[in-house]
C-alpha atoms as a PDB file:
ATOM      1  CA  MET A   1      18.486  60.384  -1.736  1.00  0.00           C
ATOM      2  CA  ILE A   2      19.368  58.749   1.604  1.00  0.00           C
ATOM      3  CA  ALA A   3      18.085  59.583   5.082  1.00  0.00           C
ATOM      4  CA  LEU A   4      20.895  58.140   7.194  1.00  0.00           C
ATOM      5  CA  VAL A   5      24.648  57.865   6.617  1.00  0.00           C
ATOM      6  CA  PRO A   6      26.362  57.103   9.945  1.00  0.00           C
ATOM      7  CA  PRO A   7      30.089  57.689  10.536  1.00  0.00           C
ATOM      8  CA  GLY A   8      32.230  55.100   8.821  1.00  0.00           C
ATOM      9  CA  VAL A   9      29.690  54.319   6.070  1.00  0.00           C
ATOM     10  CA  TYR A  10      30.419  55.444   2.507  1.00  0.00           C
ATOM     11  CA  ALA A  11      28.147  58.374   1.702  1.00  0.00           C
ATOM     12  CA  PRO A  12      26.623  58.754  -1.781  1.00  0.00           C
ATOM     13  CA  GLN A  13      28.964  60.854  -3.911  1.00  0.00           C
ATOM     14  CA  GLU A  14      29.642  61.605  -7.572  1.00  0.00           C
ATOM     15  CA  ASP A  15      30.356  57.946  -8.356  1.00  0.00           C
ATOM     16  CA  THR A  16      27.012  56.949  -6.835  1.00  0.00           C
ATOM     17  CA  GLU A  17      25.231  59.564  -8.945  1.00  0.00           C
ATOM     18  CA  LEU A  18      27.040  58.451 -12.104  1.00  0.00           C
ATOM     19  CA  LEU A  19      26.036  54.838 -11.512  1.00  0.00           C
ATOM     20  CA  ALA A  20      22.478  55.894 -10.691  1.00  0.00           C
ATOM     21  CA  GLY A  21      22.348  57.637 -14.056  1.00  0.00           C
ATOM     22  CA  ALA A  22      23.456  54.433 -15.772  1.00  0.00           C
ATOM     23  CA  LEU A  23      20.821  52.527 -13.819  1.00  0.00           C
ATOM     24  CA  SER A  24      18.146  54.929 -15.074  1.00  0.00           C
ATOM     25  CA  ASP A  25      19.091  53.989 -18.651  1.00  0.00           C
ATOM     26  CA  GLU A  26      18.370  50.307 -18.058  1.00  0.00           C
ATOM     27  CA  PRO A  27      14.875  49.015 -18.973  1.00  0.00           C
ATOM     28  CA  LEU A  28      14.357  47.335 -15.615  1.00  0.00           C
ATOM     29  CA  THR A  29      11.315  45.091 -15.690  1.00  0.00           C
ATOM     30  CA  GLN A  30       8.969  44.646 -12.746  1.00  0.00           C
ATOM     31  CA  GLY A  31      10.317  41.919 -10.473  1.00  0.00           C
ATOM     32  CA  ALA A  32      13.776  41.816 -12.068  1.00  0.00           C
ATOM     33  CA  GLU A  33      16.370  40.337  -9.732  1.00  0.00           C
ATOM     34  CA  VAL A  34      18.943  43.009  -8.847  1.00  0.00           C
ATOM     35  CA  LEU A  35      22.140  42.714  -6.819  1.00  0.00           C
ATOM     36  CA  ASP A  36      23.901  45.745  -5.347  1.00  0.00           C
ATOM     37  CA  VAL A  37      27.377  44.791  -4.096  1.00  0.00           C
ATOM     38  CA  GLY A  38      29.129  47.200  -1.751  1.00  0.00           C
ATOM     39  CA  THR A  39      25.813  48.888  -1.067  1.00  0.00           C
ATOM     40  CA  GLY A  40      27.079  51.337   1.568  1.00  0.00           C
ATOM     41  CA  SER A  41      24.105  53.313   2.807  1.00  0.00           C
ATOM     42  CA  GLY A  42      21.864  51.598   0.252  1.00  0.00           C
ATOM     43  CA  ALA A  43      21.293  54.458  -2.193  1.00  0.00           C
ATOM     44  CA  LEU A  44      21.507  52.399  -5.385  1.00  0.00           C
ATOM     45  CA  ALA A  45      19.641  49.444  -3.909  1.00  0.00           C
ATOM     46  CA  LEU A  46      16.755  51.717  -2.962  1.00  0.00           C
ATOM     47  CA  GLU A  47      16.701  53.299  -6.421  1.00  0.00           C
ATOM     48  CA  ALA A  48      16.451  49.865  -8.028  1.00  0.00           C
ATOM     49  CA  ALA A  49      13.682  48.903  -5.588  1.00  0.00           C
ATOM     50  CA  ARG A  50      11.746  52.048  -6.478  1.00  0.00           C
ATOM     51  CA  ARG A  51      11.840  50.875 -10.089  1.00  0.00           C
ATOM     52  CA  GLY A  52      10.232  47.580  -9.142  1.00  0.00           C
ATOM     53  CA  GLY A  53      13.313  45.411  -8.827  1.00  0.00           C
ATOM     54  CA  ARG A  54      13.596  42.566  -6.330  1.00  0.00           C
ATOM     55  CA  VAL A  55      16.805  43.800  -4.750  1.00  0.00           C
ATOM     56  CA  THR A  56      19.492  42.064  -2.747  1.00  0.00           C
ATOM     57  CA  ALA A  57      22.216  44.291  -1.307  1.00  0.00           C
ATOM     58  CA  VAL A  58      25.534  43.190   0.192  1.00  0.00           C
ATOM     59  CA  ASP A  59      28.215  44.962   2.185  1.00  0.00           C
ATOM     60  CA  VAL A  60      31.229  43.784   4.181  1.00  0.00           C
ATOM     61  CA  SER A  61      30.634  46.493   6.804  1.00  0.00           C
ATOM     62  CA  TRP A  62      28.077  45.788   9.517  1.00  0.00           C
ATOM     63  CA  SER A  63      27.588  49.541   9.936  1.00  0.00           C
ATOM     64  CA  ALA A  64      26.657  49.781   6.251  1.00  0.00           C
ATOM     65  CA  VAL A  65      24.293  46.814   6.532  1.00  0.00           C
ATOM     66  CA  TRP A  66      22.415  48.364   9.430  1.00  0.00           C
ATOM     67  CA  ALA A  67      22.346  51.786   7.747  1.00  0.00           C
ATOM     68  CA  ALA A  68      20.970  50.321   4.516  1.00  0.00           C
ATOM     69  CA  ARG A  69      18.338  48.333   6.412  1.00  0.00           C
ATOM     70  CA  LEU A  70      17.194  51.439   8.258  1.00  0.00           C
ATOM     71  CA  ASN A  71      17.152  53.538   5.080  1.00  0.00           C
ATOM     72  CA  ALA A  72      15.054  50.892   3.334  1.00  0.00           C
ATOM     73  CA  ARG A  73      12.602  50.867   6.233  1.00  0.00           C
ATOM     74  CA  LEU A  74      12.391  54.668   6.294  1.00  0.00           C
ATOM     75  CA  ALA A  75      11.744  54.679   2.543  1.00  0.00           C
ATOM     76  CA  GLY A  76       9.090  51.982   2.839  1.00  0.00           C
ATOM     77  CA  LEU A  77      10.935  49.721   0.411  1.00  0.00           C
ATOM     78  CA  THR A  78      11.704  46.014   0.559  1.00  0.00           C
ATOM     79  CA  VAL A  79      15.399  45.188   0.090  1.00  0.00           C
ATOM     80  CA  ARG A  80      17.156  41.999   1.208  1.00  0.00           C
ATOM     81  CA  ILE A  81      20.369  43.255   2.810  1.00  0.00           C
ATOM     82  CA  ARG A  82      23.124  40.774   3.601  1.00  0.00           C
ATOM     83  CA  HIS A  83      26.451  41.037   5.383  1.00  0.00           C
ATOM     84  CA  GLY A  84      29.399  39.557   3.541  1.00  0.00           C
ATOM     85  CA  ASN A  85      32.321  39.966   1.174  1.00  0.00           C
ATOM     86  CA  LEU A  86      31.100  40.798  -2.340  1.00  0.00           C
ATOM     87  CA  PHE A  87      29.335  37.750  -3.804  1.00  0.00           C
ATOM     88  CA  ASP A  88      29.842  35.334  -0.908  1.00  0.00           C
ATOM     89  CA  PRO A  89      26.284  35.740   0.509  1.00  0.00           C
ATOM     90  CA  VAL A  90      24.612  35.099  -2.876  1.00  0.00           C
ATOM     91  CA  ARG A  91      26.457  32.022  -4.158  1.00  0.00           C
ATOM     92  CA  GLY A  92      24.204  29.901  -6.345  1.00  0.00           C
ATOM     93  CA  GLN A  93      21.881  32.782  -7.226  1.00  0.00           C
ATOM     94  CA  THR A  94      21.605  34.624 -10.544  1.00  0.00           C
ATOM     95  CA  PHE A  95      20.536  38.164 -11.355  1.00  0.00           C
ATOM     96  CA  ASP A  96      19.188  40.295 -14.166  1.00  0.00           C
ATOM     97  CA  LEU A  97      21.243  43.286 -13.060  1.00  0.00           C
ATOM     98  CA  ILE A  98      24.327  43.680 -10.880  1.00  0.00           C
ATOM     99  CA  LEU A  99      25.350  47.113  -9.581  1.00  0.00           C
ATOM    100  CA  ALA A 100      28.885  47.603  -8.281  1.00  0.00           C
ATOM    101  CA  ASN A 101      30.550  50.646  -6.765  1.00  0.00           C
ATOM    102  CA  PRO A 102      33.680  48.939  -5.409  1.00  0.00           C
ATOM    103  CA  PRO A 103      36.819  50.397  -3.860  1.00  0.00           C
ATOM    104  CA  TYR A 104      38.986  51.589  -6.772  1.00  0.00           C
ATOM    105  CA  VAL A 105      41.559  54.086  -5.455  1.00  0.00           C
ATOM    106  CA  PRO A 106      45.224  53.056  -5.841  1.00  0.00           C
ATOM    107  CA  ALA A 107      46.897  52.933  -2.433  1.00  0.00           C
ATOM    108  CA  PRO A 108      50.590  53.584  -1.657  1.00  0.00           C
ATOM    109  CA  HIS A 109      50.691  50.604   0.692  1.00  0.00           C
ATOM    110  CA  GLY A 110      48.879  48.320  -1.719  1.00  0.00           C
ATOM    111  CA  ASP A 111      50.124  45.083  -0.165  1.00  0.00           C
ATOM    112  CA  ASP A 112      48.432  45.907   3.141  1.00  0.00           C
ATOM    113  CA  ALA A 113      44.789  44.920   3.538  1.00  0.00           C
ATOM    114  CA  PRO A 114      42.702  48.090   4.001  1.00  0.00           C
ATOM    115  CA  ARG A 115      41.023  48.533   7.356  1.00  0.00           C
ATOM    116  CA  GLY A 116      38.243  50.633   8.796  1.00  0.00           C
ATOM    117  CA  ARG A 117      36.842  53.381   6.610  1.00  0.00           C
ATOM    118  CA  ALA A 118      39.617  52.869   4.024  1.00  0.00           C
ATOM    119  CA  ARG A 119      37.940  49.609   2.963  1.00  0.00           C
ATOM    120  CA  ALA A 120      35.455  51.801   1.078  1.00  0.00           C
ATOM    121  CA  TRP A 121      38.103  53.227  -1.259  1.00  0.00           C
ATOM    122  CA  ASP A 122      41.579  51.599  -0.982  1.00  0.00           C
ATOM    123  CA  ALA A 123      42.054  48.869  -3.595  1.00  0.00           C
ATOM    124  CA  GLY A 124      45.700  47.830  -3.799  1.00  0.00           C
ATOM    125  CA  GLY A 125      48.593  49.477  -5.582  1.00  0.00           C
ATOM    126  CA  ASP A 126      46.788  49.604  -8.929  1.00  0.00           C
ATOM    127  CA  GLY A 127      43.246  50.175  -7.670  1.00  0.00           C
ATOM    128  CA  ARG A 128      42.053  46.860  -9.091  1.00  0.00           C
ATOM    129  CA  LEU A 129      42.015  44.621  -6.026  1.00  0.00           C
ATOM    130  CA  VAL A 130      38.212  44.393  -5.952  1.00  0.00           C
ATOM    131  CA  VAL A 131      37.482  45.348  -9.571  1.00  0.00           C
ATOM    132  CA  ASP A 132      39.396  42.298 -10.826  1.00  0.00           C
ATOM    133  CA  ARG A 133      37.442  40.019  -8.521  1.00  0.00           C
ATOM    134  CA  ILE A 134      34.177  41.442  -9.835  1.00  0.00           C
ATOM    135  CA  CYS A 135      35.348  40.837 -13.401  1.00  0.00           C
ATOM    136  CA  ARG A 136      36.082  37.210 -12.513  1.00  0.00           C
ATOM    137  CA  GLU A 137      32.990  36.406 -10.495  1.00  0.00           C
ATOM    138  CA  ALA A 138      30.120  38.606 -11.693  1.00  0.00           C
ATOM    139  CA  PRO A 139      29.685  36.899 -15.094  1.00  0.00           C
ATOM    140  CA  GLY A 140      28.767  33.642 -13.354  1.00  0.00           C
ATOM    141  CA  LEU A 141      25.953  35.384 -11.471  1.00  0.00           C
ATOM    142  CA  LEU A 142      24.296  36.962 -14.515  1.00  0.00           C
ATOM    143  CA  ARG A 143      21.303  35.466 -16.256  1.00  0.00           C
ATOM    144  CA  PRO A 144      21.317  35.425 -20.078  1.00  0.00           C
ATOM    145  CA  GLY A 145      20.746  39.031 -21.123  1.00  0.00           C
ATOM    146  CA  GLY A 146      21.791  40.189 -17.656  1.00  0.00           C
ATOM    147  CA  VAL A 147      23.795  43.366 -17.175  1.00  0.00           C
ATOM    148  CA  LEU A 148      26.653  44.419 -14.922  1.00  0.00           C
ATOM    149  CA  LEU A 149      27.061  48.145 -14.226  1.00  0.00           C
ATOM    150  CA  LEU A 150      30.354  48.998 -12.539  1.00  0.00           C
ATOM    151  CA  VAL A 151      31.719  52.423 -11.653  1.00  0.00           C
ATOM    152  CA  GLN A 152      35.440  53.022 -11.197  1.00  0.00           C
ATOM    153  CA  SER A 153      38.152  55.620 -11.554  1.00  0.00           C
ATOM    154  CA  ALA A 154      40.147  55.970 -14.764  1.00  0.00           C
ATOM    155  CA  LEU A 155      43.172  55.671 -12.445  1.00  0.00           C
ATOM    156  CA  ALA A 156      42.340  51.950 -12.149  1.00  0.00           C
ATOM    157  CA  ASP A 157      42.461  51.222 -15.914  1.00  0.00           C
ATOM    158  CA  PRO A 158      38.860  50.779 -17.105  1.00  0.00           C
ATOM    159  CA  ASP A 159      40.151  49.522 -20.471  1.00  0.00           C
ATOM    160  CA  LEU A 160      41.526  46.490 -18.625  1.00  0.00           C
ATOM    161  CA  THR A 161      38.128  45.992 -17.008  1.00  0.00           C
ATOM    162  CA  VAL A 162      36.559  45.870 -20.466  1.00  0.00           C
ATOM    163  CA  VAL A 163      39.210  43.390 -21.647  1.00  0.00           C
ATOM    164  CA  HIS A 164      38.589  41.076 -18.684  1.00  0.00           C
ATOM    165  CA  LEU A 165      34.826  41.171 -19.159  1.00  0.00           C
ATOM    166  CA  HIS A 166      35.171  40.462 -22.875  1.00  0.00           C
ATOM    167  CA  ALA A 167      37.359  37.483 -21.993  1.00  0.00           C
ATOM    168  CA  ALA A 168      34.569  36.225 -19.722  1.00  0.00           C
ATOM    169  CA  GLY A 169      32.162  36.242 -22.665  1.00  0.00           C
ATOM    170  CA  LEU A 170      30.362  39.518 -21.994  1.00  0.00           C
ATOM    171  CA  LYS A 171      29.755  42.459 -24.321  1.00  0.00           C
ATOM    172  CA  ALA A 172      31.385  45.362 -22.472  1.00  0.00           C
ATOM    173  CA  ALA A 173      32.128  49.048 -22.988  1.00  0.00           C
ATOM    174  CA  VAL A 174      32.532  52.302 -21.096  1.00  0.00           C
ATOM    175  CA  THR A 175      29.150  54.021 -21.348  1.00  0.00           C
ATOM    176  CA  ARG A 176      29.483  57.051 -19.061  1.00  0.00           C
ATOM    177  CA  ARG A 177      32.304  59.384 -18.097  1.00  0.00           C
ATOM    178  CA  GLN A 178      32.539  62.305 -15.690  1.00  0.00           C
ATOM    179  CA  ARG A 179      35.446  64.406 -14.469  1.00  0.00           C
ATOM    180  CA  ILE A 180      35.354  65.512 -10.834  1.00  0.00           C
ATOM    181  CA  ALA A 181      37.586  67.505  -8.511  1.00  0.00           C
ATOM    182  CA  PHE A 182      40.023  65.559  -6.362  1.00  0.00           C
ATOM    183  CA  GLY A 183      38.523  64.510  -3.071  1.00  0.00           C
ATOM    184  CA  PRO A 184      40.446  64.388   0.208  1.00  0.00           C
ATOM    185  CA  VAL A 185      41.916  60.922  -0.469  1.00  0.00           C
ATOM    186  CA  LEU A 186      43.307  61.767  -3.897  1.00  0.00           C
ATOM    187  CA  ARG A 187      44.567  65.153  -2.743  1.00  0.00           C
ATOM    188  CA  GLY A 188      46.570  63.347  -0.082  1.00  0.00           C
ATOM    189  CA  ARG A 189      48.019  60.955  -2.704  1.00  0.00           C
ATOM    190  CA  GLU A 190      48.431  63.348  -5.606  1.00  0.00           C
ATOM    191  CA  ARG A 191      52.223  63.425  -5.476  1.00  0.00           C
ATOM    192  CA  TRP A 192      52.469  59.644  -5.218  1.00  0.00           C
ATOM    193  CA  LEU A 193      50.016  59.168  -8.103  1.00  0.00           C
ATOM    194  CA  ARG A 194      52.087  61.471 -10.308  1.00  0.00           C
ATOM    195  CA  GLU A 195      55.287  59.684  -9.359  1.00  0.00           C
ATOM    196  CA  ARG A 196      53.654  56.372 -10.290  1.00  0.00           C
ATOM    197  CA  GLY A 197      52.566  57.797 -13.642  1.00  0.00           C
ATOM    198  CA  LEU A 198      48.897  57.288 -12.795  1.00  0.00           C
ATOM    199  CA  LEU A 199      48.330  61.040 -13.047  1.00  0.00           C
ATOM    200  CA  SER A 200      49.984  63.199 -15.675  1.00  0.00           C
ATOM    201  CA  ASP A 201      51.411  66.620 -14.850  1.00  0.00           C
ATOM    202  CA  SER A 202      48.518  68.255 -16.704  1.00  0.00           C
ATOM    203  CA  GLU A 203      45.722  66.375 -14.899  1.00  0.00           C
ATOM    204  CA  ASN A 204      44.132  68.270 -12.048  1.00  0.00           C
ATOM    205  CA  ASP A 205      40.937  66.272 -11.681  1.00  0.00           C
ATOM    206  CA  GLU A 206      39.771  62.671 -11.727  1.00  0.00           C
ATOM    207  CA  GLU A 207      37.741  60.856 -14.359  1.00  0.00           C
ATOM    208  CA  LEU A 208      35.052  58.420 -13.259  1.00  0.00           C
ATOM    209  CA  VAL A 209      33.589  55.909 -15.693  1.00  0.00           C
ATOM    210  CA  VAL A 210      30.771  53.374 -15.820  1.00  0.00           C
ATOM    211  CA  VAL A 211      31.507  50.066 -17.504  1.00  0.00           C
ATOM    212  CA  ARG A 212      28.419  48.268 -18.804  1.00  0.00           C
ATOM    213  CA  ALA A 213      28.708  44.552 -19.548  1.00  0.00           C
ATOM    214  CA  GLU A 214      25.962  42.266 -20.836  1.00  0.00           C
ATOM    215  CA  LEU A 215      25.812  38.477 -20.984  1.00  0.00           C
ATOM    216  CA  PRO A 216      24.496  37.527 -24.443  1.00  0.00           C
ATOM    217  CA  VAL A 217      21.231  35.604 -24.601  1.00  0.00           C
END
Protein backbone atom coordinates (compact mmCIF):
# COMPACT_ATOMS: atom_id res chain seq x y z
CA MET A 1 0.00 0.00 0.00
CA ILE A 2 2.79 2.42 0.97
CA ALA A 3 6.40 2.50 -0.21
CA LEU A 4 8.00 4.42 2.65
CA VAL A 5 7.26 4.54 6.38
CA PRO A 6 10.24 6.11 8.18
CA PRO A 7 10.85 5.69 11.93
CA GLY A 8 8.48 7.76 14.01
CA VAL A 9 5.69 7.83 11.38
CA TYR A 10 2.51 5.84 12.02
CA ALA A 11 2.54 2.80 9.74
CA PRO A 12 -0.69 1.56 8.12
CA GLN A 13 -2.29 -1.02 10.41
CA GLU A 14 -5.66 -2.67 10.99
CA ASP A 15 -7.36 0.67 11.66
CA THR A 16 -6.05 2.03 8.36
CA GLU A 17 -7.38 -1.03 6.53
CA LEU A 18 -10.77 -0.76 8.24
CA LEU A 19 -11.08 2.89 7.23
CA ALA A 20 -9.91 2.08 3.71
CA GLY A 21 -12.72 -0.46 3.49
CA ALA A 22 -15.22 2.21 4.53
CA LEU A 23 -13.74 4.55 1.94
CA SER A 24 -14.27 1.91 -0.75
CA ASP A 25 -17.99 1.92 0.08
CA GLU A 26 -18.33 5.63 -0.64
CA PRO A 27 -19.44 6.66 -4.17
CA LEU A 28 -16.60 9.13 -4.60
CA THR A 29 -17.15 11.28 -7.66
CA GLN A 30 -14.34 12.46 -9.92
CA GLY A 31 -12.87 15.67 -8.53
CA ALA A 32 -14.54 15.36 -5.12
CA GLU A 33 -12.73 17.38 -2.47
CA VAL A 34 -11.28 15.02 0.15
CA LEU A 35 -9.48 15.81 3.40
CA ASP A 36 -7.34 13.25 5.22
CA VAL A 37 -6.48 14.48 8.72
CA GLY A 38 -3.65 12.74 10.56
CA THR A 39 -2.47 11.28 7.27
CA GLY A 40 0.66 9.58 8.63
CA SER A 41 2.45 7.98 5.70
CA GLY A 42 -0.39 9.00 3.38
CA ALA A 43 -2.02 5.62 2.76
CA LEU A 44 -5.63 6.80 2.87
CA ALA A 45 -4.90 10.04 1.03
CA LEU A 46 -3.32 8.08 -1.82
CA GLU A 47 -6.27 5.68 -1.96
CA ALA A 48 -8.68 8.59 -2.28
CA ALA A 49 -6.48 10.14 -4.98
CA ARG A 50 -6.49 6.88 -6.92
CA ARG A 51 -10.29 7.10 -6.94
CA GLY A 52 -10.15 10.53 -8.54
CA GLY A 53 -10.49 12.71 -5.47
CA ARG A 54 -8.80 16.09 -5.13
CA VAL A 55 -7.05 15.29 -1.87
CA THR A 56 -5.63 17.47 0.86
CA ALA A 57 -3.76 15.68 3.64
CA VAL A 58 -2.68 17.12 6.99
CA ASP A 59 -0.38 15.90 9.74
CA VAL A 60 1.16 17.54 12.80
CA SER A 61 4.40 15.58 12.30
CA TRP A 62 6.92 16.95 9.82
CA SER A 63 8.29 13.43 9.36
CA ALA A 64 4.81 12.27 8.33
CA VAL A 65 4.40 15.21 5.96
CA TRP A 66 7.65 14.44 4.17
CA ALA A 67 6.89 10.71 4.08
CA ALA A 68 3.44 11.31 2.60
CA ARG A 69 4.84 13.72 0.01
CA LEU A 70 7.45 11.18 -1.06
CA ASN A 71 4.90 8.35 -1.18
CA ALA A 72 2.61 10.47 -3.35
CA ARG A 73 5.48 11.23 -5.71
CA LEU A 74 6.50 7.57 -5.90
CA ALA A 75 2.90 6.61 -6.65
CA GLY A 76 2.58 9.30 -9.31
CA LEU A 77 -0.39 10.87 -7.55
CA THR A 78 -1.21 14.49 -6.80
CA VAL A 79 -1.98 15.17 -3.13
CA ARG A 80 -1.75 18.53 -1.36
CA ILE A 81 0.02 17.72 1.91
CA ARG A 82 0.08 20.32 4.67
CA HIS A 83 1.77 20.51 8.04
CA GLY A 84 -0.47 21.47 10.93
CA ASN A 85 -2.74 20.47 13.79
CA LEU A 86 -5.89 18.78 12.47
CA PHE A 87 -8.03 21.37 10.65
CA ASP A 88 -5.85 24.43 11.22
CA PRO A 89 -4.27 24.40 7.71
CA VAL A 90 -7.66 24.17 5.93
CA ARG A 91 -9.73 26.82 7.72
CA GLY A 92 -12.32 28.33 5.40
CA GLN A 93 -12.37 25.32 3.07
CA THR A 94 -15.11 22.70 2.71
CA PHE A 95 -14.97 19.07 1.64
CA ASP A 96 -17.11 16.30 0.22
CA LEU A 97 -15.35 13.68 2.33
CA ILE A 98 -13.23 13.85 5.47
CA LEU A 99 -11.14 10.85 6.56
CA ALA A 100 -9.86 10.70 10.13
CA ASN A 101 -7.67 8.14 11.86
CA PRO A 102 -6.88 10.13 15.01
CA PRO A 103 -5.11 9.11 18.20
CA TYR A 104 -7.69 7.21 20.29
CA VAL A 105 -5.86 5.13 22.92
CA PRO A 106 -6.60 6.02 26.56
CA ALA A 107 -3.38 7.00 28.33
CA PRO A 108 -2.57 6.56 32.05
CA HIS A 109 -1.06 10.04 32.20
CA GLY A 110 -3.91 11.64 30.31
CA ASP A 111 -3.26 15.16 31.57
CA ASP A 112 0.19 15.20 29.98
CA ALA A 113 0.43 16.26 26.35
CA PRO A 114 1.74 13.31 24.29
CA ARG A 115 5.15 13.74 22.71
CA GLY A 116 7.15 12.07 19.99
CA ARG A 117 5.77 8.86 18.54
CA ALA A 118 3.06 8.70 21.24
CA ARG A 119 1.26 11.59 19.51
CA ALA A 120 0.06 9.00 16.99
CA TRP A 121 -1.92 7.02 19.58
CA ASP A 122 -2.16 8.66 23.05
CA ALA A 123 -5.39 10.64 23.43
CA GLY A 124 -5.96 11.59 27.07
CA GLY A 125 -7.35 9.55 29.92
CA ASP A 126 -10.50 8.58 28.02
CA GLY A 127 -9.04 8.35 24.52
CA ARG A 128 -11.21 11.20 23.26
CA LEU A 129 -8.81 14.14 23.30
CA VAL A 130 -8.69 14.39 19.50
CA VAL A 131 -11.92 12.55 18.67
CA ASP A 132 -13.96 15.18 20.53
CA ARG A 133 -12.25 17.97 18.63
CA ILE A 134 -13.07 16.27 15.34
CA CYS A 135 -16.71 15.95 16.40
CA ARG A 136 -16.78 19.68 17.14
CA GLU A 137 -14.94 20.97 14.10
CA ALA A 138 -15.46 18.55 11.21
CA PRO A 139 -19.17 19.34 10.67
CA GLY A 140 -18.28 22.93 9.78
CA LEU A 141 -15.94 21.72 7.03
CA LEU A 142 -18.44 19.43 5.30
CA ARG A 143 -20.41 20.44 2.25
CA PRO A 144 -24.12 19.52 2.15
CA GLY A 145 -24.21 15.77 1.57
CA GLY A 146 -20.59 15.52 2.73
CA VAL A 147 -19.38 12.56 4.76
CA LEU A 148 -17.02 12.11 7.69
CA LEU A 149 -15.42 8.68 8.14
CA LEU A 150 -13.67 8.28 11.48
CA VAL A 151 -11.99 5.18 12.90
CA GLN A 152 -11.50 4.72 16.63
CA SER A 153 -11.27 2.11 19.35
CA ALA A 154 -14.35 0.96 21.25
CA LEU A 155 -12.27 1.83 24.34
CA ALA A 156 -12.89 5.50 23.49
CA ASP A 157 -16.72 5.26 23.50
CA PRO A 158 -17.88 5.39 19.87
CA ASP A 159 -21.49 5.76 21.05
CA LEU A 160 -20.51 9.15 22.46
CA THR A 161 -18.97 10.05 19.11
CA VAL A 162 -22.30 9.29 17.44
CA VAL A 163 -24.15 11.39 20.04
CA HIS A 164 -21.85 14.38 19.49
CA LEU A 165 -22.18 14.17 15.72
CA HIS A 166 -25.96 13.92 15.95
CA ALA A 167 -25.92 17.02 18.15
CA ALA A 168 -23.96 18.82 15.41
CA GLY A 169 -26.73 18.06 12.92
CA LEU A 170 -25.21 15.06 11.17
CA LYS A 171 -26.70 11.63 10.51
CA ALA A 172 -24.22 9.29 12.21
CA ALA A 173 -23.81 5.59 12.96
CA VAL A 174 -21.17 2.92 13.44
CA THR A 175 -20.88 1.19 10.06
CA ARG A 176 -17.92 -1.16 10.48
CA ARG A 177 -16.48 -3.18 13.34
CA GLN A 178 -13.42 -5.40 13.66
CA ARG A 179 -11.79 -7.13 16.61
CA ILE A 180 -8.00 -7.28 16.63
CA ALA A 181 -5.31 -8.62 18.94
CA PHE A 182 -3.80 -6.20 21.43
CA GLY A 183 -0.83 -4.35 20.02
CA PRO A 184 2.25 -3.41 22.03
CA VAL A 185 0.68 -0.23 23.46
CA LEU A 186 -2.46 -1.91 24.76
CA ARG A 187 -0.53 -4.90 26.07
CA GLY A 188 1.53 -2.48 28.14
CA ARG A 189 -1.65 -0.83 29.50
CA GLU A 190 -3.87 -3.88 29.84
CA ARG A 191 -3.83 -3.93 33.64
CA TRP A 192 -4.54 -0.20 33.87
CA LEU A 193 -7.38 -0.47 31.33
CA ARG A 194 -9.00 -3.26 33.35
CA GLU A 195 -8.62 -1.29 36.56
CA ARG A 196 -10.31 1.68 34.88
CA GLY A 197 -13.16 -0.54 33.71
CA LEU A 198 -12.36 0.17 30.06
CA LEU A 199 -11.64 -3.53 29.51
CA SER A 200 -13.69 -6.28 31.11
CA ASP A 201 -12.07 -9.38 32.58
CA SER A 202 -13.37 -11.43 29.64
CA GLU A 203 -12.01 -9.15 26.89
CA ASN A 204 -8.73 -10.26 25.39
CA ASP A 205 -8.79 -8.23 22.19
CA GLU A 206 -9.71 -4.76 21.01
CA GLU A 207 -12.65 -3.67 18.89
CA LEU A 208 -12.12 -1.03 16.22
CA VAL A 209 -15.07 0.79 14.67
CA VAL A 210 -15.75 3.21 11.84
CA VAL A 211 -18.23 5.99 12.50
CA ARG A 212 -19.85 7.40 9.37
CA ALA A 213 -21.52 10.81 9.61
CA GLU A 214 -23.26 12.70 6.82
CA LEU A 215 -24.36 16.33 6.64
CA PRO A 216 -27.91 16.38 5.22
CA VAL A 217 -28.45 18.20 1.94
